[in-house]
PDB file of N, CA and C in Angstrom:
ATOM      1  N   UNK A   1       7.083  -1.537 -51.221  1.00  0.00           N
ATOM      2  CA  UNK A   1       7.116  -0.490 -52.178  1.00  0.00           C
ATOM      3  C   UNK A   1       7.142   0.801 -51.502  1.00  0.00           C
ATOM      4  N   UNK A   2       8.126   1.679 -51.896  1.00  0.00           N
ATOM      5  CA  UNK A   2       8.268   3.056 -51.234  1.00  0.00           C
ATOM      6  C   UNK A   2       7.226   3.986 -51.840  1.00  0.00           C
ATOM      7  N   UNK A   3       6.723   4.819 -50.941  1.00  0.00           N
ATOM      8  CA  UNK A   3       5.866   5.870 -51.389  1.00  0.00           C
ATOM      9  C   UNK A   3       6.649   6.994 -52.000  1.00  0.00           C
ATOM     10  N   UNK A   4       6.159   7.599 -53.026  1.00  0.00           N
ATOM     11  CA  UNK A   4       6.930   8.738 -53.580  1.00  0.00           C
ATOM     12  C   UNK A   4       6.973   9.909 -52.598  1.00  0.00           C
ATOM     13  N   UNK A   5       8.047  10.613 -52.605  1.00  0.00           N
ATOM     14  CA  UNK A   5       8.240  11.736 -51.620  1.00  0.00           C
ATOM     15  C   UNK A   5       7.191  12.790 -52.013  1.00  0.00           C
ATOM     16  N   UNK A   6       6.590  13.373 -50.987  1.00  0.00           N
ATOM     17  CA  UNK A   6       5.638  14.470 -51.224  1.00  0.00           C
ATOM     18  C   UNK A   6       6.423  15.663 -51.746  1.00  0.00           C
ATOM     19  N   UNK A   7       5.762  16.510 -52.568  1.00  0.00           N
ATOM     20  CA  UNK A   7       6.414  17.709 -53.054  1.00  0.00           C
ATOM     21  C   UNK A   7       6.787  18.601 -51.901  1.00  0.00           C
ATOM     22  N   UNK A   8       7.843  19.374 -52.055  1.00  0.00           N
ATOM     23  CA  UNK A   8       8.207  20.362 -50.985  1.00  0.00           C
ATOM     24  C   UNK A   8       7.088  21.278 -50.714  1.00  0.00           C
ATOM     25  N   UNK A   9       6.942  21.771 -49.458  1.00  0.00           N
ATOM     26  CA  UNK A   9       5.924  22.772 -49.188  1.00  0.00           C
ATOM     27  C   UNK A   9       6.222  24.028 -50.024  1.00  0.00           C
ATOM     28  N   UNK A  10       5.178  24.666 -50.465  1.00  0.00           N
ATOM     29  CA  UNK A  10       5.329  25.857 -51.323  1.00  0.00           C
ATOM     30  C   UNK A  10       5.257  27.146 -50.487  1.00  0.00           C
ATOM     31  N   UNK A  11       6.199  28.027 -50.730  1.00  0.00           N
ATOM     32  CA  UNK A  11       6.191  29.294 -50.085  1.00  0.00           C
ATOM     33  C   UNK A  11       5.710  30.354 -51.073  1.00  0.00           C
ATOM     34  N   UNK A  12       4.520  30.823 -50.841  1.00  0.00           N
ATOM     35  CA  UNK A  12       3.835  31.737 -51.794  1.00  0.00           C
ATOM     36  C   UNK A  12       4.332  33.094 -51.618  1.00  0.00           C
ATOM     37  N   UNK A  13       4.727  33.787 -52.702  1.00  0.00           N
ATOM     38  CA  UNK A  13       5.151  35.168 -52.695  1.00  0.00           C
ATOM     39  C   UNK A  13       3.896  35.984 -53.029  1.00  0.00           C
ATOM     40  N   UNK A  14       3.493  36.857 -52.110  1.00  0.00           N
ATOM     41  CA  UNK A  14       2.355  37.776 -52.331  1.00  0.00           C
ATOM     42  C   UNK A  14       2.889  39.161 -52.472  1.00  0.00           C
ATOM     43  N   UNK A  15       2.277  39.864 -53.383  1.00  0.00           N
ATOM     44  CA  UNK A  15       2.723  41.268 -53.570  1.00  0.00           C
ATOM     45  C   UNK A  15       3.863  41.350 -54.624  1.00  0.00           C
ATOM     46  N   UNK A  16       4.466  42.545 -54.719  1.00  0.00           N
ATOM     47  CA  UNK A  16       5.439  42.716 -55.743  1.00  0.00           C
ATOM     48  C   UNK A  16       6.841  42.244 -55.242  1.00  0.00           C
ATOM     49  N   UNK A  17       7.636  41.939 -56.232  1.00  0.00           N
ATOM     50  CA  UNK A  17       9.047  41.622 -56.031  1.00  0.00           C
ATOM     51  C   UNK A  17       9.805  42.683 -56.801  1.00  0.00           C
ATOM     52  N   UNK A  18       9.824  43.880 -56.274  1.00  0.00           N
ATOM     53  CA  UNK A  18      10.486  44.993 -56.994  1.00  0.00           C
ATOM     54  C   UNK A  18      11.313  45.822 -56.010  1.00  0.00           C
ATOM     55  N   UNK A  19      11.920  46.867 -56.513  1.00  0.00           N
ATOM     56  CA  UNK A  19      12.866  47.683 -55.733  1.00  0.00           C
ATOM     57  C   UNK A  19      12.142  48.219 -54.510  1.00  0.00           C
ATOM     58  N   UNK A  20      10.913  48.461 -54.550  1.00  0.00           N
ATOM     59  CA  UNK A  20      10.171  49.078 -53.434  1.00  0.00           C
ATOM     60  C   UNK A  20       9.836  48.075 -52.325  1.00  0.00           C
ATOM     61  N   UNK A  21       9.765  46.812 -52.632  1.00  0.00           N
ATOM     62  CA  UNK A  21       9.348  45.824 -51.659  1.00  0.00           C
ATOM     63  C   UNK A  21      10.349  44.753 -51.416  1.00  0.00           C
ATOM     64  N   UNK A  22      11.543  44.882 -51.973  1.00  0.00           N
ATOM     65  CA  UNK A  22      12.537  43.776 -51.924  1.00  0.00           C
ATOM     66  C   UNK A  22      12.983  43.472 -50.539  1.00  0.00           C
ATOM     67  N   UNK A  23      13.176  44.481 -49.747  1.00  0.00           N
ATOM     68  CA  UNK A  23      13.630  44.204 -48.384  1.00  0.00           C
ATOM     69  C   UNK A  23      12.658  43.442 -47.538  1.00  0.00           C
ATOM     70  N   UNK A  24      11.334  43.771 -47.660  1.00  0.00           N
ATOM     71  CA  UNK A  24      10.300  43.068 -46.920  1.00  0.00           C
ATOM     72  C   UNK A  24      10.219  41.651 -47.404  1.00  0.00           C
ATOM     73  N   UNK A  25      10.322  41.459 -48.756  1.00  0.00           N
ATOM     74  CA  UNK A  25      10.262  40.098 -49.295  1.00  0.00           C
ATOM     75  C   UNK A  25      11.400  39.253 -48.835  1.00  0.00           C
ATOM     76  N   UNK A  26      12.651  39.837 -48.839  1.00  0.00           N
ATOM     77  CA  UNK A  26      13.768  39.089 -48.388  1.00  0.00           C
ATOM     78  C   UNK A  26      13.662  38.663 -46.943  1.00  0.00           C
ATOM     79  N   UNK A  27      13.127  39.528 -46.102  1.00  0.00           N
ATOM     80  CA  UNK A  27      12.875  39.244 -44.720  1.00  0.00           C
ATOM     81  C   UNK A  27      11.962  38.051 -44.529  1.00  0.00           C
ATOM     82  N   UNK A  28      10.966  37.986 -45.462  1.00  0.00           N
ATOM     83  CA  UNK A  28       9.990  36.855 -45.389  1.00  0.00           C
ATOM     84  C   UNK A  28      10.660  35.515 -45.773  1.00  0.00           C
ATOM     85  N   UNK A  29      11.681  35.597 -46.722  1.00  0.00           N
ATOM     86  CA  UNK A  29      12.301  34.435 -47.198  1.00  0.00           C
ATOM     87  C   UNK A  29      13.451  33.914 -46.351  1.00  0.00           C
ATOM     88  N   UNK A  30      14.012  34.749 -45.510  1.00  0.00           N
ATOM     89  CA  UNK A  30      15.180  34.427 -44.678  1.00  0.00           C
ATOM     90  C   UNK A  30      15.001  33.155 -43.885  1.00  0.00           C
ATOM     91  N   UNK A  31      13.811  32.809 -43.317  1.00  0.00           N
ATOM     92  CA  UNK A  31      13.635  31.654 -42.575  1.00  0.00           C
ATOM     93  C   UNK A  31      13.931  30.383 -43.411  1.00  0.00           C
ATOM     94  N   UNK A  32      13.749  30.464 -44.715  1.00  0.00           N
ATOM     95  CA  UNK A  32      14.008  29.335 -45.563  1.00  0.00           C
ATOM     96  C   UNK A  32      15.486  28.887 -45.493  1.00  0.00           C
ATOM     97  N   UNK A  33      16.342  29.861 -45.245  1.00  0.00           N
ATOM     98  CA  UNK A  33      17.781  29.577 -45.154  1.00  0.00           C
ATOM     99  C   UNK A  33      18.108  28.949 -43.861  1.00  0.00           C
ATOM    100  N   UNK A  34      17.298  29.134 -42.858  1.00  0.00           N
ATOM    101  CA  UNK A  34      17.580  28.601 -41.497  1.00  0.00           C
ATOM    102  C   UNK A  34      17.008  27.170 -41.324  1.00  0.00           C
ATOM    103  N   UNK A  35      16.093  26.844 -42.197  1.00  0.00           N
ATOM    104  CA  UNK A  35      15.416  25.523 -42.054  1.00  0.00           C
ATOM    105  C   UNK A  35      16.395  24.385 -42.499  1.00  0.00           C
ATOM    106  N   UNK A  36      15.990  23.190 -42.210  1.00  0.00           N
ATOM    107  CA  UNK A  36      16.768  22.027 -42.571  1.00  0.00           C
ATOM    108  C   UNK A  36      16.961  21.870 -44.081  1.00  0.00           C
ATOM    109  N   UNK A  37      17.437  20.706 -44.463  1.00  0.00           N
ATOM    110  CA  UNK A  37      17.823  20.514 -45.856  1.00  0.00           C
ATOM    111  C   UNK A  37      16.704  20.069 -46.786  1.00  0.00           C
ATOM    112  N   UNK A  38      15.482  20.273 -46.468  1.00  0.00           N
ATOM    113  CA  UNK A  38      14.359  19.910 -47.297  1.00  0.00           C
ATOM    114  C   UNK A  38      14.345  20.828 -48.483  1.00  0.00           C
ATOM    115  N   UNK A  39      13.977  20.378 -49.699  1.00  0.00           N
ATOM    116  CA  UNK A  39      13.879  21.215 -50.876  1.00  0.00           C
ATOM    117  C   UNK A  39      12.922  22.395 -50.628  1.00  0.00           C
ATOM    118  N   UNK A  40      13.155  23.451 -51.290  1.00  0.00           N
ATOM    119  CA  UNK A  40      12.356  24.729 -51.211  1.00  0.00           C
ATOM    120  C   UNK A  40      11.666  24.975 -52.477  1.00  0.00           C
ATOM    121  N   UNK A  41      10.391  25.257 -52.431  1.00  0.00           N
ATOM    122  CA  UNK A  41       9.579  25.593 -53.585  1.00  0.00           C
ATOM    123  C   UNK A  41       8.982  26.908 -53.344  1.00  0.00           C
ATOM    124  N   UNK A  42       9.199  27.876 -54.233  1.00  0.00           N
ATOM    125  CA  UNK A  42       8.642  29.219 -54.167  1.00  0.00           C
ATOM    126  C   UNK A  42       7.596  29.348 -55.267  1.00  0.00           C
ATOM    127  N   UNK A  43       6.410  29.834 -54.877  1.00  0.00           N
ATOM    128  CA  UNK A  43       5.267  29.966 -55.829  1.00  0.00           C
ATOM    129  C   UNK A  43       5.049  31.440 -56.106  1.00  0.00           C
ATOM    130  N   UNK A  44       5.187  31.832 -57.353  1.00  0.00           N
ATOM    131  CA  UNK A  44       5.024  33.179 -57.819  1.00  0.00           C
ATOM    132  C   UNK A  44       3.648  33.453 -58.482  1.00  0.00           C
ATOM    133  N   UNK A  45       2.786  32.496 -58.382  1.00  0.00           N
ATOM    134  CA  UNK A  45       1.513  32.612 -59.117  1.00  0.00           C
ATOM    135  C   UNK A  45       0.638  33.791 -58.722  1.00  0.00           C
ATOM    136  N   UNK A  46       0.752  34.248 -57.479  1.00  0.00           N
ATOM    137  CA  UNK A  46      -0.026  35.441 -57.063  1.00  0.00           C
ATOM    138  C   UNK A  46       0.808  36.682 -56.892  1.00  0.00           C
ATOM    139  N   UNK A  47       2.088  36.545 -57.222  1.00  0.00           N
ATOM    140  CA  UNK A  47       3.024  37.727 -57.128  1.00  0.00           C
ATOM    141  C   UNK A  47       2.529  38.852 -58.112  1.00  0.00           C
ATOM    142  N   UNK A  48       2.824  40.007 -57.718  1.00  0.00           N
ATOM    143  CA  UNK A  48       2.557  41.191 -58.640  1.00  0.00           C
ATOM    144  C   UNK A  48       3.669  41.419 -59.612  1.00  0.00           C
ATOM    145  N   UNK A  49       4.316  42.542 -59.502  1.00  0.00           N
ATOM    146  CA  UNK A  49       5.398  42.892 -60.485  1.00  0.00           C
ATOM    147  C   UNK A  49       6.715  42.210 -60.001  1.00  0.00           C
ATOM    148  N   UNK A  50       7.517  41.862 -60.999  1.00  0.00           N
ATOM    149  CA  UNK A  50       8.817  41.305 -60.770  1.00  0.00           C
ATOM    150  C   UNK A  50       9.799  42.089 -61.600  1.00  0.00           C
ATOM    151  N   UNK A  51      10.740  42.840 -60.936  1.00  0.00           N
ATOM    152  CA  UNK A  51      11.741  43.558 -61.726  1.00  0.00           C
ATOM    153  C   UNK A  51      13.099  42.927 -61.459  1.00  0.00           C
ATOM    154  N   UNK A  52      14.159  43.623 -61.890  1.00  0.00           N
ATOM    155  CA  UNK A  52      15.490  43.080 -61.714  1.00  0.00           C
ATOM    156  C   UNK A  52      15.860  42.872 -60.184  1.00  0.00           C
ATOM    157  N   UNK A  53      15.316  43.714 -59.345  1.00  0.00           N
ATOM    158  CA  UNK A  53      15.599  43.559 -57.901  1.00  0.00           C
ATOM    159  C   UNK A  53      14.984  42.210 -57.439  1.00  0.00           C
ATOM    160  N   UNK A  54      13.817  41.923 -57.841  1.00  0.00           N
ATOM    161  CA  UNK A  54      13.156  40.686 -57.513  1.00  0.00           C
ATOM    162  C   UNK A  54      13.934  39.491 -58.080  1.00  0.00           C
ATOM    163  N   UNK A  55      14.357  39.603 -59.278  1.00  0.00           N
ATOM    164  CA  UNK A  55      15.148  38.531 -59.904  1.00  0.00           C
ATOM    165  C   UNK A  55      16.393  38.296 -59.114  1.00  0.00           C
ATOM    166  N   UNK A  56      17.070  39.385 -58.735  1.00  0.00           N
ATOM    167  CA  UNK A  56      18.303  39.270 -57.955  1.00  0.00           C
ATOM    168  C   UNK A  56      18.014  38.600 -56.598  1.00  0.00           C
ATOM    169  N   UNK A  57      16.866  38.897 -55.978  1.00  0.00           N
ATOM    170  CA  UNK A  57      16.503  38.207 -54.730  1.00  0.00           C
ATOM    171  C   UNK A  57      16.367  36.701 -54.945  1.00  0.00           C
ATOM    172  N   UNK A  58      15.663  36.364 -56.009  1.00  0.00           N
ATOM    173  CA  UNK A  58      15.461  34.912 -56.266  1.00  0.00           C
ATOM    174  C   UNK A  58      16.808  34.228 -56.590  1.00  0.00           C
ATOM    175  N   UNK A  59      17.651  34.853 -57.343  1.00  0.00           N
ATOM    176  CA  UNK A  59      19.012  34.276 -57.626  1.00  0.00           C
ATOM    177  C   UNK A  59      19.759  34.156 -56.365  1.00  0.00           C
ATOM    178  N   UNK A  60      19.727  35.156 -55.467  1.00  0.00           N
ATOM    179  CA  UNK A  60      20.489  35.088 -54.256  1.00  0.00           C
ATOM    180  C   UNK A  60      19.943  33.996 -53.351  1.00  0.00           C
ATOM    181  N   UNK A  61      18.640  33.871 -53.302  1.00  0.00           N
ATOM    182  CA  UNK A  61      18.035  32.758 -52.547  1.00  0.00           C
ATOM    183  C   UNK A  61      18.516  31.467 -53.060  1.00  0.00           C
ATOM    184  N   UNK A  62      18.465  31.298 -54.365  1.00  0.00           N
ATOM    185  CA  UNK A  62      18.894  29.993 -55.000  1.00  0.00           C
ATOM    186  C   UNK A  62      20.381  29.703 -54.679  1.00  0.00           C
ATOM    187  N   UNK A  63      21.232  30.756 -54.747  1.00  0.00           N
ATOM    188  CA  UNK A  63      22.634  30.596 -54.512  1.00  0.00           C
ATOM    189  C   UNK A  63      22.906  30.206 -53.057  1.00  0.00           C
ATOM    190  N   UNK A  64      22.226  30.875 -52.120  1.00  0.00           N
ATOM    191  CA  UNK A  64      22.397  30.584 -50.727  1.00  0.00           C
ATOM    192  C   UNK A  64      21.912  29.209 -50.401  1.00  0.00           C
ATOM    193  N   UNK A  65      20.801  28.813 -50.888  1.00  0.00           N
ATOM    194  CA  UNK A  65      20.238  27.501 -50.615  1.00  0.00           C
ATOM    195  C   UNK A  65      21.179  26.391 -51.246  1.00  0.00           C
ATOM    196  N   UNK A  66      21.639  26.654 -52.503  1.00  0.00           N
ATOM    197  CA  UNK A  66      22.555  25.689 -53.122  1.00  0.00           C
ATOM    198  C   UNK A  66      23.801  25.547 -52.280  1.00  0.00           C
ATOM    199  N   UNK A  67      24.298  26.611 -51.681  1.00  0.00           N
ATOM    200  CA  UNK A  67      25.454  26.563 -50.862  1.00  0.00           C
ATOM    201  C   UNK A  67      25.278  25.634 -49.612  1.00  0.00           C
ATOM    202  N   UNK A  68      24.011  25.462 -49.238  1.00  0.00           N
ATOM    203  CA  UNK A  68      23.660  24.540 -48.125  1.00  0.00           C
ATOM    204  C   UNK A  68      23.227  23.174 -48.659  1.00  0.00           C
ATOM    205  N   UNK A  69      23.296  22.973 -49.935  1.00  0.00           N
ATOM    206  CA  UNK A  69      22.880  21.694 -50.502  1.00  0.00           C
ATOM    207  C   UNK A  69      21.373  21.501 -50.587  1.00  0.00           C
ATOM    208  N   UNK A  70      20.630  22.698 -50.576  1.00  0.00           N
ATOM    209  CA  UNK A  70      19.162  22.652 -50.645  1.00  0.00           C
ATOM    210  C   UNK A  70      18.738  23.078 -51.983  1.00  0.00           C
ATOM    211  N   UNK A  71      17.931  22.255 -52.724  1.00  0.00           N
ATOM    212  CA  UNK A  71      17.464  22.647 -54.009  1.00  0.00           C
ATOM    213  C   UNK A  71      16.298  23.613 -53.972  1.00  0.00           C
ATOM    214  N   UNK A  72      16.223  24.499 -54.924  1.00  0.00           N
ATOM    215  CA  UNK A  72      15.190  25.489 -55.064  1.00  0.00           C
ATOM    216  C   UNK A  72      14.432  25.269 -56.320  1.00  0.00           C
ATOM    217  N   UNK A  73      13.071  25.314 -56.286  1.00  0.00           N
ATOM    218  CA  UNK A  73      12.328  25.288 -57.476  1.00  0.00           C
ATOM    219  C   UNK A  73      11.286  26.427 -57.409  1.00  0.00           C
ATOM    220  N   UNK A  74      11.129  27.129 -58.502  1.00  0.00           N
ATOM    221  CA  UNK A  74      10.255  28.282 -58.594  1.00  0.00           C
ATOM    222  C   UNK A  74       9.088  27.933 -59.519  1.00  0.00           C
ATOM    223  N   UNK A  75       7.872  28.054 -59.017  1.00  0.00           N
ATOM    224  CA  UNK A  75       6.678  27.714 -59.734  1.00  0.00           C
ATOM    225  C   UNK A  75       5.839  28.998 -60.021  1.00  0.00           C
ATOM    226  N   UNK A  76       4.989  28.907 -60.958  1.00  0.00           N
ATOM    227  CA  UNK A  76       3.982  29.974 -61.222  1.00  0.00           C
ATOM    228  C   UNK A  76       4.385  31.274 -61.819  1.00  0.00           C
ATOM    229  N   UNK A  77       5.560  31.212 -62.515  1.00  0.00           N
ATOM    230  CA  UNK A  77       6.066  32.393 -63.194  1.00  0.00           C
ATOM    231  C   UNK A  77       5.205  32.796 -64.403  1.00  0.00           C
ATOM    232  N   UNK A  78       4.966  34.055 -64.548  1.00  0.00           N
ATOM    233  CA  UNK A  78       4.194  34.546 -65.703  1.00  0.00           C
ATOM    234  C   UNK A  78       4.965  34.427 -66.943  1.00  0.00           C
ATOM    235  N   UNK A  79       4.295  34.231 -68.113  1.00  0.00           N
ATOM    236  CA  UNK A  79       4.957  34.046 -69.407  1.00  0.00           C
ATOM    237  C   UNK A  79       5.849  35.203 -69.724  1.00  0.00           C
ATOM    238  N   UNK A  80       5.442  36.410 -69.381  1.00  0.00           N
ATOM    239  CA  UNK A  80       6.300  37.567 -69.723  1.00  0.00           C
ATOM    240  C   UNK A  80       7.651  37.519 -68.904  1.00  0.00           C
ATOM    241  N   UNK A  81       7.598  36.959 -67.762  1.00  0.00           N
ATOM    242  CA  UNK A  81       8.855  36.900 -66.952  1.00  0.00           C
ATOM    243  C   UNK A  81       9.783  35.865 -67.598  1.00  0.00           C
ATOM    244  N   UNK A  82       9.173  34.751 -68.052  1.00  0.00           N
ATOM    245  CA  UNK A  82       9.978  33.726 -68.695  1.00  0.00           C
ATOM    246  C   UNK A  82      10.718  34.307 -69.985  1.00  0.00           C
ATOM    247  N   UNK A  83      10.017  35.123 -70.756  1.00  0.00           N
ATOM    248  CA  UNK A  83      10.669  35.650 -71.918  1.00  0.00           C
ATOM    249  C   UNK A  83      11.642  36.767 -71.534  1.00  0.00           C
ATOM    250  N   UNK A  84      11.281  37.607 -70.622  1.00  0.00           N
ATOM    251  CA  UNK A  84      12.190  38.727 -70.156  1.00  0.00           C
ATOM    252  C   UNK A  84      13.446  38.234 -69.608  1.00  0.00           C
ATOM    253  N   UNK A  85      13.399  37.251 -68.727  1.00  0.00           N
ATOM    254  CA  UNK A  85      14.593  36.791 -68.096  1.00  0.00           C
ATOM    255  C   UNK A  85      15.266  35.648 -68.819  1.00  0.00           C
ATOM    256  N   UNK A  86      14.514  34.999 -69.734  1.00  0.00           N
ATOM    257  CA  UNK A  86      15.200  34.023 -70.569  1.00  0.00           C
ATOM    258  C   UNK A  86      16.262  34.593 -71.410  1.00  0.00           C
ATOM    259  N   UNK A  87      16.029  35.850 -71.831  1.00  0.00           N
ATOM    260  CA  UNK A  87      17.035  36.524 -72.620  1.00  0.00           C
ATOM    261  C   UNK A  87      18.321  36.741 -71.872  1.00  0.00           C
ATOM    262  N   UNK A  88      18.243  36.716 -70.515  1.00  0.00           N
ATOM    263  CA  UNK A  88      19.434  36.944 -69.630  1.00  0.00           C
ATOM    264  C   UNK A  88      20.074  35.590 -69.321  1.00  0.00           C
ATOM    265  N   UNK A  89      19.489  34.544 -69.865  1.00  0.00           N
ATOM    266  CA  UNK A  89      20.012  33.184 -69.553  1.00  0.00           C
ATOM    267  C   UNK A  89      19.549  32.674 -68.221  1.00  0.00           C
ATOM    268  N   UNK A  90      18.480  33.252 -67.647  1.00  0.00           N
ATOM    269  CA  UNK A  90      17.963  32.855 -66.398  1.00  0.00           C
ATOM    270  C   UNK A  90      16.558  32.237 -66.435  1.00  0.00           C
ATOM    271  N   UNK A  91      16.129  31.872 -67.627  1.00  0.00           N
ATOM    272  CA  UNK A  91      14.810  31.275 -67.759  1.00  0.00           C
ATOM    273  C   UNK A  91      14.620  29.976 -67.034  1.00  0.00           C
ATOM    274  N   UNK A  92      15.713  29.172 -66.904  1.00  0.00           N
ATOM    275  CA  UNK A  92      15.627  27.921 -66.210  1.00  0.00           C
ATOM    276  C   UNK A  92      15.205  28.090 -64.759  1.00  0.00           C
ATOM    277  N   UNK A  93      15.554  29.215 -64.176  1.00  0.00           N
ATOM    278  CA  UNK A  93      15.187  29.521 -62.777  1.00  0.00           C
ATOM    279  C   UNK A  93      13.693  29.459 -62.595  1.00  0.00           C
ATOM    280  N   UNK A  94      12.930  29.788 -63.677  1.00  0.00           N
ATOM    281  CA  UNK A  94      11.483  29.892 -63.567  1.00  0.00           C
ATOM    282  C   UNK A  94      10.720  28.720 -64.228  1.00  0.00           C
ATOM    283  N   UNK A  95      11.478  27.729 -64.645  1.00  0.00           N
ATOM    284  CA  UNK A  95      10.759  26.616 -65.365  1.00  0.00           C
ATOM    285  C   UNK A  95      10.412  25.451 -64.468  1.00  0.00           C
ATOM    286  N   UNK A  96      10.431  25.722 -63.176  1.00  0.00           N
ATOM    287  CA  UNK A  96      10.119  24.594 -62.256  1.00  0.00           C
ATOM    288  C   UNK A  96      11.236  23.679 -62.004  1.00  0.00           C
ATOM    289  N   UNK A  97      12.324  23.899 -62.675  1.00  0.00           N
ATOM    290  CA  UNK A  97      13.476  23.033 -62.421  1.00  0.00           C
ATOM    291  C   UNK A  97      14.170  23.481 -61.163  1.00  0.00           C
ATOM    292  N   UNK A  98      15.034  22.658 -60.719  1.00  0.00           N
ATOM    293  CA  UNK A  98      15.751  22.962 -59.496  1.00  0.00           C
ATOM    294  C   UNK A  98      17.052  23.590 -59.786  1.00  0.00           C
ATOM    295  N   UNK A  99      17.389  24.570 -58.950  1.00  0.00           N
ATOM    296  CA  UNK A  99      18.675  25.240 -59.132  1.00  0.00           C
ATOM    297  C   UNK A  99      19.551  24.826 -57.992  1.00  0.00           C
TER     298      UNK A  99
END
C-alpha cells in the first residue's frame, strides 16, 4: 500500500503584499522558480495588506510555475480578499486549489 504524498512545504508570506513591498516579496519568492518540480504552496495566513500589486505578484508566480509544470496552491487568504478578488474572476487562486 502506497503512503499518501506529503503536502508540499509551505512558503509563508510575512508582511504586506502591496506596492511598497512587492519587490522585496518577489525577491523572496524567486527561489521557488529555481527549485525542482515539486508543488508549491504559499501561505498568506500571516500576511498583512494585499493590494493589486500583491495579486499581480501571485498571478505572475502562478503563471511562471505553471509554465514549468509546477502547481501552485495558495492557503490562508482572508475572507475580504476572497470577495475582493473573486469579483475579478481570480477567487479560485485563493481557494486552496491549484493553478
